Amino acid sequence: MKPDQFWARVEKTDTCWIWTGTKDRLGYGRVRMRIDGVRVQLAHRAAFILTNGYHPPALDHLCRNSSCVNPSHLDPCGQAENGRRQQWPPHCPHGHEFTPENTGHYTSRKGYRVRLCLTCNREWQARYRRSEKGRETRRRWVELKRMATASQRQAA
């Protein structure tokens, strides 16, 4: 693919330049082209190389839009730095800010440390308690507790 064919597949807006060609399942633009004898397969890497003239080891989307190919939104950095930037976003998916008062942590089954939005967790628990399944679970728990208390009294 020639550079003019590449740029023809880019929709330039006021902020992000969106790749309109083929995308992978994560939304990253896919392209097959050679630049200075090097095969390039990701559209944002091709855009960066075409405008800046060099091949960085890794690129970070500062705008967090995987289909963006705007070179000013791409920061050449190492993979470790890119991972650190993405690891802990400042807000949960529902927009609540992660503050010390609103953040909980737990360890997943696979052993990963997971951050939890306490506001979302409280809302989920309230919805669950209002549901039929939640009321039934509460009834069973109360009955089991009552039976355990009765058996302790008999043993004493």
Foldseek 3Di string as FASTA:
>chain_A
DDPVVLVVQWCDDPPFTFGNDDADPVGWDFDFDADPNRTDTTSLQVLLCVVPVDRAPDWAQQVPRRRGNPNVRIDRDDPVVNCVVPPDDQADPVGHGDDVVQWDWDADPVGDIDIDGNVVVVVVLVVLCPDPNNVVVVVVVVVVVVVVVVVVVVVD
